[in-house]
Every structure is written in C-alpha cells, then in structure tokens.
C-alpha cells in the first residue's frame, strides 16, 4: 500500500513540475544513466567512504524510488530507474541520487532492515543523518546534501516519515559530523 501511495504521489508531482532551464553541470551525464553499473559505482563510492564492503546487492525493481529490504535472507537495495531519471532531471547533479542511495545504505548498516518494522520517523532520521555524513565525505556542500528533500519530503510528518525540516536537520547533523575529522558515524549495536 505504501508503494502505491508513493507511486501515485510521484506521478502527481512529476506531471505538475515545469521544465527547468538550469544548465547541466559537467558531471551530470555521468549520473543520468540508469545502467546498473552507474548505480553500482555510486554504491562503491559510498562504501569506500565508510570503509566497509557492501553486504547487499543493488537491483532494479518496481519500487517508488530506492528501498532497503531483506528478501529470502538476502539484503538488497532496490531502485527505480524512472525515479533516478526524474530526480536527475530535476536537480541536474549527482547528489540527489547519492543522498538517496546513502540513506538506504544507512538503513542496512543501522540494522533497520533486520528489525522488519517498516519505515518509522526515528529510523528515517538515522538514515538521513548517515546520508549527510557520507555526502560530506564525498564532497557535497550542505545545500547539495539536503537538496533532494525539497523534492521527496513533505512539509508535514506522516506515520512513516518525518517532516521535511526534521529530515534536513538530520542531514545537517550528519554532514557536520562528516566535517569533523575525528567524527565517527555510529551504526547499529548488535
């Protein structure tokens, strides 16, 4: 049901968004492709920053955008190529998809997918903070790290996701930790 609602919201938003005339940055075309290799390269960049090997697989799927999940005892990050194209066209840079992918990595590394409790505001904020940390380490400005929330987060909180301003604060907290050379981002305790 959540996916149906998100997909309907995605269709509604994309049909009402006017075309932008913002010039494309030099690195835009590298990230516009939805080939699995490009998504895999983004995942590799994220994992290199945290110094871990990915113990999950990227897989194209019929999901709203990105989703961290465990299926048949295997960890996945599922992604929708149409959504990737849409967010790339809107933001004209690589940071939005990197933020979303890092957010999903954060769900896996913080143990959220093991709990199988679904989306909850506190878990979403932890994943957003992780994404902010990673994006700083990858060279994003705070504004670039937060930009995606202007497109995907609602002004008001729901049962599953916090309000946009809370999510942007969580990204800012993670980004600030990333700016501190002695900072360590914490993940789930076993």
C-alpha atoms as a PDB file:
ATOM      1  CA  UNK A   1       0.000   0.000   0.000  1.00  0.00           C
ATOM      2  CA  UNK A   2       2.853   2.385   0.902  1.00  0.00           C
ATOM      3  CA  UNK A   3       4.418   1.834  -2.521  1.00  0.00           C
ATOM      4  CA  UNK A   4       1.113   2.523  -4.292  1.00  0.00           C
ATOM      5  CA  UNK A   5       0.674   5.793  -2.398  1.00  0.00           C
ATOM      6  CA  UNK A   6       4.279   6.840  -3.049  1.00  0.00           C
ATOM      7  CA  UNK A   7       3.982   5.957  -6.725  1.00  0.00           C
ATOM      8  CA  UNK A   8       0.747   7.962  -7.037  1.00  0.00           C
ATOM      9  CA  UNK A   9       2.436  10.916  -5.330  1.00  0.00           C
ATOM     10  CA  UNK A  10       5.430  10.546  -7.653  1.00  0.00           C
ATOM     11  CA  UNK A  11       3.187  10.591 -10.741  1.00  0.00           C
ATOM     12  CA  UNK A  12       1.231  13.568  -9.389  1.00  0.00           C
ATOM     13  CA  UNK A  13       4.375  15.549  -8.625  1.00  0.00           C
ATOM     14  CA  UNK A  14       6.139  14.775 -11.885  1.00  0.00           C
ATOM     15  CA  UNK A  15       3.141  15.703 -14.017  1.00  0.00           C
ATOM     16  CA  UNK A  16       2.978  19.166 -12.421  1.00  0.00           C
ATOM     17  CA  UNK A  17       6.663  20.076 -12.406  1.00  0.00           C
ATOM     18  CA  UNK A  18       7.598  22.564 -15.117  1.00  0.00           C
ATOM     19  CA  UNK A  19      10.727  22.016 -17.181  1.00  0.00           C
ATOM     20  CA  UNK A  20      13.768  23.839 -15.874  1.00  0.00           C
ATOM     21  CA  UNK A  21      16.311  25.698 -17.922  1.00  0.00           C
ATOM     22  CA  UNK A  22      19.119  25.297 -15.415  1.00  0.00           C
ATOM     23  CA  UNK A  23      22.377  24.472 -17.242  1.00  0.00           C
ATOM     24  CA  UNK A  24      23.711  20.951 -16.837  1.00  0.00           C
ATOM     25  CA  UNK A  25      26.926  20.630 -14.819  1.00  0.00           C
ATOM     26  CA  UNK A  26      29.834  18.730 -16.342  1.00  0.00           C
ATOM     27  CA  UNK A  27      29.248  15.612 -14.209  1.00  0.00           C
ATOM     28  CA  UNK A  28      25.504  15.446 -14.937  1.00  0.00           C
ATOM     29  CA  UNK A  29      25.610  12.984 -17.840  1.00  0.00           C
ATOM     30  CA  UNK A  30      27.702  10.511 -15.877  1.00  0.00           C
ATOM     31  CA  UNK A  31      24.878  10.085 -13.381  1.00  0.00           C
ATOM     32  CA  UNK A  32      21.860  10.373 -15.688  1.00  0.00           C
ATOM     33  CA  UNK A  33      22.238   6.811 -16.928  1.00  0.00           C
ATOM     34  CA  UNK A  34      20.225   4.191 -15.118  1.00  0.00           C
ATOM     35  CA  UNK A  35      22.565   1.380 -16.015  1.00  0.00           C
ATOM     36  CA  UNK A  36      23.278  -0.906 -13.059  1.00  0.00           C
ATOM     37  CA  UNK A  37      26.988  -0.131 -13.469  1.00  0.00           C
ATOM     38  CA  UNK A  38      26.392   3.557 -12.698  1.00  0.00           C
ATOM     39  CA  UNK A  39      24.309   2.740  -9.638  1.00  0.00           C
ATOM     40  CA  UNK A  40      26.973   0.247  -8.595  1.00  0.00           C
ATOM     41  CA  UNK A  41      29.660   2.923  -8.965  1.00  0.00           C
ATOM     42  CA  UNK A  42      27.647   5.225  -6.689  1.00  0.00           C
ATOM     43  CA  UNK A  43      27.324   2.422  -4.143  1.00  0.00           C
ATOM     44  CA  UNK A  44      31.066   1.749  -4.340  1.00  0.00           C
ATOM     45  CA  UNK A  45      31.782   5.445  -3.672  1.00  0.00           C
ATOM     46  CA  UNK A  46      29.524   5.362  -0.612  1.00  0.00           C
ATOM     47  CA  UNK A  47      31.026   2.160   0.769  1.00  0.00           C
ATOM     48  CA  UNK A  48      34.586   3.419   0.216  1.00  0.00           C
ATOM     49  CA  UNK A  49      33.796   6.446   2.392  1.00  0.00           C
ATOM     50  CA  UNK A  50      32.650   4.277   5.294  1.00  0.00           C
ATOM     51  CA  UNK A  51      35.394   1.701   4.778  1.00  0.00           C
ATOM     52  CA  UNK A  52      33.115  -1.316   4.510  1.00  0.00           C
ATOM     53  CA  UNK A  53      32.236  -3.863   1.858  1.00  0.00           C
ATOM     54  CA  UNK A  54      28.626  -3.880   0.739  1.00  0.00           C
ATOM     55  CA  UNK A  55      26.882  -6.976   2.025  1.00  0.00           C
ATOM     56  CA  UNK A  56      23.830  -6.243  -0.090  1.00  0.00           C
ATOM     57  CA  UNK A  57      23.035  -6.255  -3.778  1.00  0.00           C
ATOM     58  CA  UNK A  58      21.676  -3.436  -5.950  1.00  0.00           C
ATOM     59  CA  UNK A  59      18.732  -4.475  -8.049  1.00  0.00           C
ATOM     60  CA  UNK A  60      16.378  -2.647 -10.403  1.00  0.00           C
ATOM     61  CA  UNK A  61      12.785  -3.096  -9.251  1.00  0.00           C
ATOM     62  CA  UNK A  62       9.265  -1.695  -9.348  1.00  0.00           C
ATOM     63  CA  UNK A  63       9.646   0.497  -6.263  1.00  0.00           C
ATOM     64  CA  UNK A  64       8.827   4.176  -5.765  1.00  0.00           C
ATOM     65  CA  UNK A  65      12.489   5.292  -5.636  1.00  0.00           C
ATOM     66  CA  UNK A  66      15.040   3.363  -3.533  1.00  0.00           C
ATOM     67  CA  UNK A  67      14.292   0.730  -0.901  1.00  0.00           C
ATOM     68  CA  UNK A  68      16.468  -1.249   1.508  1.00  0.00           C
ATOM     69  CA  UNK A  69      14.996  -4.674   2.086  1.00  0.00           C
ATOM     70  CA  UNK A  70      15.777  -8.257   3.023  1.00  0.00           C
ATOM     71  CA  UNK A  71      14.233 -10.887   0.742  1.00  0.00           C
ATOM     72  CA  UNK A  72      14.834 -14.602   1.182  1.00  0.00           C
ATOM     73  CA  UNK A  73      17.561 -13.852   3.773  1.00  0.00           C
ATOM     74  CA  UNK A  74      19.486 -11.679   1.322  1.00  0.00           C
ATOM     75  CA  UNK A  75      19.982  -7.910   1.628  1.00  0.00           C
ATOM     76  CA  UNK A  76      19.065  -5.693  -1.301  1.00  0.00           C
ATOM     77  CA  UNK A  77      18.819  -2.071  -2.231  1.00  0.00           C
ATOM     78  CA  UNK A  78      16.131  -1.856  -4.861  1.00  0.00           C
ATOM     79  CA  UNK A  79      15.940   1.122  -7.179  1.00  0.00           C
ATOM     80  CA  UNK A  80      13.604   2.515  -9.808  1.00  0.00           C
ATOM     81  CA  UNK A  81      15.400   3.779 -12.944  1.00  0.00           C
ATOM     82  CA  UNK A  82      12.455   6.058 -13.847  1.00  0.00           C
ATOM     83  CA  UNK A  83      12.743   7.777 -10.493  1.00  0.00           C
ATOM     84  CA  UNK A  84      16.510   8.149 -10.935  1.00  0.00           C
ATOM     85  CA  UNK A  85      15.930   9.822 -14.303  1.00  0.00           C
ATOM     86  CA  UNK A  86      13.252  12.101 -12.850  1.00  0.00           C
ATOM     87  CA  UNK A  87      15.341  13.267  -9.862  1.00  0.00           C
ATOM     88  CA  UNK A  88      18.379  13.764 -12.134  1.00  0.00           C
ATOM     89  CA  UNK A  89      16.347  15.932 -14.497  1.00  0.00           C
ATOM     90  CA  UNK A  90      15.034  17.985 -11.590  1.00  0.00           C
ATOM     91  CA  UNK A  91      18.288  18.512  -9.691  1.00  0.00           C
ATOM     92  CA  UNK A  92      20.801  18.378 -12.571  1.00  0.00           C
ATOM     93  CA  UNK A  93      23.507  16.808 -10.421  1.00  0.00           C
ATOM     94  CA  UNK A  94      24.628  13.565  -8.854  1.00  0.00           C
ATOM     95  CA  UNK A  95      23.979  14.434  -5.215  1.00  0.00           C
ATOM     96  CA  UNK A  96      20.262  13.638  -5.033  1.00  0.00           C
ATOM     97  CA  UNK A  97      20.682  10.014  -6.050  1.00  0.00           C
ATOM     98  CA  UNK A  98      23.813   9.653  -3.938  1.00  0.00           C
ATOM     99  CA  UNK A  99      21.848  11.005  -0.950  1.00  0.00           C
ATOM    100  CA  UNK A 100      19.001   8.569  -1.515  1.00  0.00           C
ATOM    101  CA  UNK A 101      21.314   5.613  -2.035  1.00  0.00           C
ATOM    102  CA  UNK A 102      23.370   6.549   1.055  1.00  0.00           C
ATOM    103  CA  UNK A 103      20.111   6.816   3.008  1.00  0.00           C
ATOM    104  CA  UNK A 104      19.235   3.220   2.053  1.00  0.00           C
ATOM    105  CA  UNK A 105      22.749   2.041   2.921  1.00  0.00           C
ATOM    106  CA  UNK A 106      22.175   3.732   6.287  1.00  0.00           C
ATOM    107  CA  UNK A 107      19.058   1.630   6.811  1.00  0.00           C
ATOM    108  CA  UNK A 108      21.068  -1.564   6.268  1.00  0.00           C
ATOM    109  CA  UNK A 109      24.093  -0.509   8.328  1.00  0.00           C
ATOM    110  CA  UNK A 110      21.932   0.737  11.214  1.00  0.00           C
ATOM    111  CA  UNK A 111      20.092  -2.588  11.338  1.00  0.00           C
ATOM    112  CA  UNK A 112      16.722  -1.129  10.367  1.00  0.00           C
ATOM    113  CA  UNK A 113      16.027  -3.848   7.811  1.00  0.00           C
ATOM    114  CA  UNK A 114      16.745  -6.580  10.350  1.00  0.00           C
ATOM    115  CA  UNK A 115      14.058  -5.180  12.672  1.00  0.00           C
ATOM    116  CA  UNK A 116      11.456  -5.505   9.896  1.00  0.00           C
ATOM    117  CA  UNK A 117       9.395  -2.769  11.498  1.00  0.00           C
ATOM    118  CA  UNK A 118       8.990  -0.780   8.299  1.00  0.00           C
ATOM    119  CA  UNK A 119       9.503   2.935   7.971  1.00  0.00           C
ATOM    120  CA  UNK A 120       9.272   4.945  11.180  1.00  0.00           C
ATOM    121  CA  UNK A 121      10.262   8.583  11.646  1.00  0.00           C
ATOM    122  CA  UNK A 122      13.148   7.843  14.037  1.00  0.00           C
ATOM    123  CA  UNK A 123      14.651   5.284  11.642  1.00  0.00           C
ATOM    124  CA  UNK A 124      14.299   7.638   8.685  1.00  0.00           C
ATOM    125  CA  UNK A 125      16.141  10.357  10.607  1.00  0.00           C
ATOM    126  CA  UNK A 126      19.001   7.965  11.438  1.00  0.00           C
ATOM    127  CA  UNK A 127      19.307   7.056   7.751  1.00  0.00           C
ATOM    128  CA  UNK A 128      19.173  10.759   6.786  1.00  0.00           C
ATOM    129  CA  UNK A 129      21.957  11.560   9.261  1.00  0.00           C
ATOM    130  CA  UNK A 130      24.064   8.768   7.812  1.00  0.00           C
ATOM    131  CA  UNK A 131      23.445  10.136   4.299  1.00  0.00           C
ATOM    132  CA  UNK A 132      24.531  13.623   5.402  1.00  0.00           C
ATOM    133  CA  UNK A 133      27.756  12.209   6.847  1.00  0.00           C
ATOM    134  CA  UNK A 134      28.528  10.275   3.674  1.00  0.00           C
ATOM    135  CA  UNK A 135      27.732  13.168   1.368  1.00  0.00           C
ATOM    136  CA  UNK A 136      30.091  15.469   3.228  1.00  0.00           C
ATOM    137  CA  UNK A 137      32.831  12.866   2.918  1.00  0.00           C
ATOM    138  CA  UNK A 138      32.114  12.633  -0.821  1.00  0.00           C
ATOM    139  CA  UNK A 139      32.481  16.400  -1.210  1.00  0.00           C
ATOM    140  CA  UNK A 140      28.890  17.667  -1.258  1.00  0.00           C
ATOM    141  CA  UNK A 141      28.044  21.046   0.206  1.00  0.00           C
ATOM    142  CA  UNK A 142      25.340  21.085   2.886  1.00  0.00           C
ATOM    143  CA  UNK A 143      22.895  22.509   0.347  1.00  0.00           C
ATOM    144  CA  UNK A 144      23.708  19.736  -2.126  1.00  0.00           C
ATOM    145  CA  UNK A 145      23.255  17.103   0.579  1.00  0.00           C
ATOM    146  CA  UNK A 146      19.830  18.489   1.537  1.00  0.00           C
ATOM    147  CA  UNK A 147      18.548  19.327  -1.967  1.00  0.00           C
ATOM    148  CA  UNK A 148      16.761  16.018  -2.529  1.00  0.00           C
ATOM    149  CA  UNK A 149      14.446  16.660   0.423  1.00  0.00           C
ATOM    150  CA  UNK A 150      12.916  19.585  -1.460  1.00  0.00           C
ATOM    151  CA  UNK A 151      11.613  17.015  -3.944  1.00  0.00           C
ATOM    152  CA  UNK A 152      10.732  13.960  -1.871  1.00  0.00           C
ATOM    153  CA  UNK A 153       9.875  15.070   1.674  1.00  0.00           C
ATOM    154  CA  UNK A 154       6.539  16.502   2.764  1.00  0.00           C
ATOM    155  CA  UNK A 155       6.187  19.617   4.894  1.00  0.00           C
ATOM    156  CA  UNK A 156       4.212  17.621   7.457  1.00  0.00           C
ATOM    157  CA  UNK A 157       5.236  14.400   9.165  1.00  0.00           C
ATOM    158  CA  UNK A 158       3.404  11.142   8.499  1.00  0.00           C
ATOM    159  CA  UNK A 159       3.231   7.890  10.457  1.00  0.00           C
ATOM    160  CA  UNK A 160       6.246   6.642   8.493  1.00  0.00           C
ATOM    161  CA  UNK A 161       8.327   9.717   7.642  1.00  0.00           C
ATOM    162  CA  UNK A 162       9.307  12.929   9.453  1.00  0.00           C
ATOM    163  CA  UNK A 163       8.577  16.383   8.107  1.00  0.00           C
ATOM    164  CA  UNK A 164      10.999  17.942   5.618  1.00  0.00           C
ATOM    165  CA  UNK A 165      12.551  20.338   8.153  1.00  0.00           C
ATOM    166  CA  UNK A 166      13.351  17.439  10.531  1.00  0.00           C
ATOM    167  CA  UNK A 167      14.915  15.457   7.730  1.00  0.00           C
ATOM    168  CA  UNK A 168      17.010  18.420   6.613  1.00  0.00           C
ATOM    169  CA  UNK A 169      18.227  18.904  10.217  1.00  0.00           C
ATOM    170  CA  UNK A 170      19.202  15.224  10.394  1.00  0.00           C
ATOM    171  CA  UNK A 171      21.176  15.564   7.158  1.00  0.00           C
ATOM    172  CA  UNK A 172      22.807  18.702   8.556  1.00  0.00           C
ATOM    173  CA  UNK A 173      23.777  16.832  11.753  1.00  0.00           C
ATOM    174  CA  UNK A 174      25.374  14.037   9.749  1.00  0.00           C
ATOM    175  CA  UNK A 175      27.049  16.481   7.380  1.00  0.00           C
ATOM    176  CA  UNK A 176      28.508  18.364  10.372  1.00  0.00           C
ATOM    177  CA  UNK A 177      29.846  15.104  11.804  1.00  0.00           C
ATOM    178  CA  UNK A 178      31.425  14.424   8.425  1.00  0.00           C
ATOM    179  CA  UNK A 179      33.140  17.821   8.592  1.00  0.00           C
ATOM    180  CA  UNK A 180      34.798  16.840  11.876  1.00  0.00           C
ATOM    181  CA  UNK A 181      37.877  14.710  11.101  1.00  0.00           C
ATOM    182  CA  UNK A 182      37.538  12.938  14.449  1.00  0.00           C
ATOM    183  CA  UNK A 183      33.832  12.147  13.988  1.00  0.00           C
ATOM    184  CA  UNK A 184      32.657   8.595  13.734  1.00  0.00           C
ATOM    185  CA  UNK A 185      29.189   7.805  12.486  1.00  0.00           C
ATOM    186  CA  UNK A 186      27.660   5.082  14.597  1.00  0.00           C
ATOM    187  CA  UNK A 187      25.742   2.118  13.268  1.00  0.00           C
ATOM    188  CA  UNK A 188      23.505  -0.385  14.983  1.00  0.00           C
ATOM    189  CA  UNK A 189      24.823  -2.188  18.010  1.00  0.00           C
ATOM    190  CA  UNK A 190      24.495  -5.976  17.791  1.00  0.00           C
END
